[in-house]
Amino acid sequence: MSEISLSHIKISPLGDRVLVKPSTEASQEKSGLIIPNSAQEKPQYGVVVSVGPGQRMKNGTLVPLDIKVGDKILYGKYAGTQIDLDGIEHMIINQDEILGVLIKGE
């Protein structure tokens, strides 16, 4: 029986899906109490690692995604599918499950 090494596998999302690395920041309460990652709900934002080509319409035209690699996005609590790539948690999410792009204030 042969083994497959996941350290050399890359995933390219299909259609209107995006590959996201969820944020792993520990949150700090107003009281100063730091809540460890293991005791928190999973984050609802992350950074886009890879994007699919877009959504194919019934007439055959390809509509590109509004999201690009490097965007920090906010997604729904139950959105996407969790996957493990080389020991690092990622999510594959449909574009319609993305709630918005986070933009730094000026």
Protein backbone atom coordinates (compact mmCIF):
# COMPACT_ATOMS: atom_id res chain seq x y z
CA MET A 1 0.00 0.00 0.00
CA SER A 2 1.45 3.41 -0.96
CA GLU A 3 1.12 6.67 0.97
CA ILE A 4 0.31 10.06 -0.51
CA SER A 5 2.21 13.02 0.92
CA LEU A 6 -0.11 15.99 1.37
CA SER A 7 2.83 18.35 1.76
CA HIS A 8 3.21 18.55 -2.03
CA ILE A 9 -0.47 18.78 -2.97
CA LYS A 10 -2.03 22.10 -3.93
CA ILE A 11 -5.73 22.75 -4.31
CA SER A 12 -7.18 24.94 -7.03
CA PRO A 13 -10.83 25.77 -6.30
CA LEU A 14 -13.37 25.08 -9.04
CA GLY A 15 -16.12 27.39 -10.25
CA ASP A 16 -17.08 30.18 -7.88
CA ARG A 17 -15.27 28.74 -4.85
CA VAL A 18 -12.40 30.26 -2.90
CA LEU A 19 -9.77 28.69 -0.63
CA VAL A 20 -9.49 30.62 2.65
CA LYS A 21 -7.05 30.37 5.53
CA PRO A 22 -9.13 31.25 8.62
CA SER A 23 -7.72 33.78 11.07
CA THR A 24 -6.02 32.18 14.07
CA GLU A 25 -5.75 35.27 16.28
CA ALA A 26 -6.53 34.79 19.97
CA SER A 27 -9.19 37.21 21.09
CA GLN A 28 -8.89 39.48 24.06
CA GLU A 29 -11.91 40.52 26.10
CA LYS A 30 -12.43 44.12 27.27
CA SER A 31 -11.45 42.98 30.78
CA GLY A 32 -8.03 41.94 29.41
CA LEU A 33 -8.76 38.21 29.67
CA ILE A 34 -7.24 36.36 26.72
CA ILE A 35 -9.33 33.47 25.42
CA PRO A 36 -7.22 30.68 23.86
CA ASN A 37 -8.03 29.52 20.34
CA SER A 38 -9.22 26.11 21.55
CA ALA A 39 -11.97 27.69 23.70
CA GLN A 40 -13.35 30.00 21.01
CA GLU A 41 -15.84 29.52 18.24
CA LYS A 42 -14.15 29.16 14.87
CA PRO A 43 -13.33 32.51 13.27
CA GLN A 44 -15.66 33.94 10.67
CA TYR A 45 -12.98 35.73 8.73
CA GLY A 46 -9.80 34.84 6.96
CA VAL A 47 -7.47 35.50 4.04
CA VAL A 48 -8.16 34.27 0.51
CA VAL A 49 -5.38 31.91 -0.60
CA SER A 50 -6.73 30.86 -4.01
CA VAL A 51 -9.79 31.54 -6.18
CA GLY A 52 -11.63 29.56 -8.82
CA PRO A 53 -12.10 30.83 -12.39
CA GLY A 54 -15.65 32.05 -11.79
CA GLN A 55 -19.24 30.98 -12.26
CA ARG A 56 -20.28 29.47 -15.58
CA MET A 57 -23.68 30.78 -16.70
CA LYS A 58 -26.22 28.64 -18.61
CA ASN A 59 -25.33 30.41 -21.86
CA GLY A 60 -21.66 29.43 -21.40
CA THR A 61 -20.21 32.80 -20.37
CA LEU A 62 -17.82 32.87 -17.44
CA VAL A 63 -18.48 35.47 -14.74
CA PRO A 64 -15.24 36.13 -12.82
CA LEU A 65 -15.24 36.33 -9.01
CA ASP A 66 -15.39 39.62 -7.11
CA ILE A 67 -12.85 38.24 -4.62
CA LYS A 68 -9.10 38.09 -5.25
CA VAL A 69 -6.13 36.39 -3.60
CA GLY A 70 -5.03 38.29 -0.49
CA ASP A 71 -8.48 39.73 0.35
CA LYS A 72 -9.46 39.47 4.02
CA ILE A 73 -13.07 38.29 3.99
CA LEU A 74 -15.97 37.79 6.38
CA TYR A 75 -18.07 34.65 5.88
CA GLY A 76 -21.11 33.04 7.47
CA LYS A 77 -20.82 30.96 10.64
CA TYR A 78 -21.71 27.68 8.91
CA ALA A 79 -20.16 28.49 5.53
CA GLY A 80 -17.86 26.26 3.54
CA THR A 81 -16.08 23.00 4.12
CA GLN A 82 -13.08 22.61 6.42
CA ILE A 83 -10.02 20.87 5.00
CA ASP A 84 -6.55 20.20 6.34
CA LEU A 85 -3.64 21.05 4.04
CA ASP A 86 -0.24 20.04 5.33
CA GLY A 87 -1.42 20.35 8.94
CA ILE A 88 -2.98 23.80 8.43
CA GLU A 89 -6.74 24.32 8.56
CA HIS A 90 -8.33 25.89 5.47
CA MET A 91 -11.89 26.42 4.22
CA ILE A 92 -13.36 26.06 0.74
CA ILE A 93 -16.22 28.55 0.45
CA ASN A 94 -18.66 29.44 -2.34
CA GLN A 95 -18.57 33.11 -3.30
CA ASP A 96 -22.24 33.52 -2.32
CA GLU A 97 -21.34 32.50 1.29
CA ILE A 98 -18.91 35.43 1.58
CA LEU A 99 -20.52 38.33 3.42
CA GLY A 100 -17.95 41.01 2.63
CA VAL A 101 -14.35 42.09 2.23
CA LEU A 102 -12.70 43.62 5.32
CA ILE A 103 -11.05 46.96 4.54
CA LYS A 104 -8.65 48.73 6.90
CA GLY A 105 -9.97 52.08 8.13
CA GLU A 106 -8.19 55.21 7.00
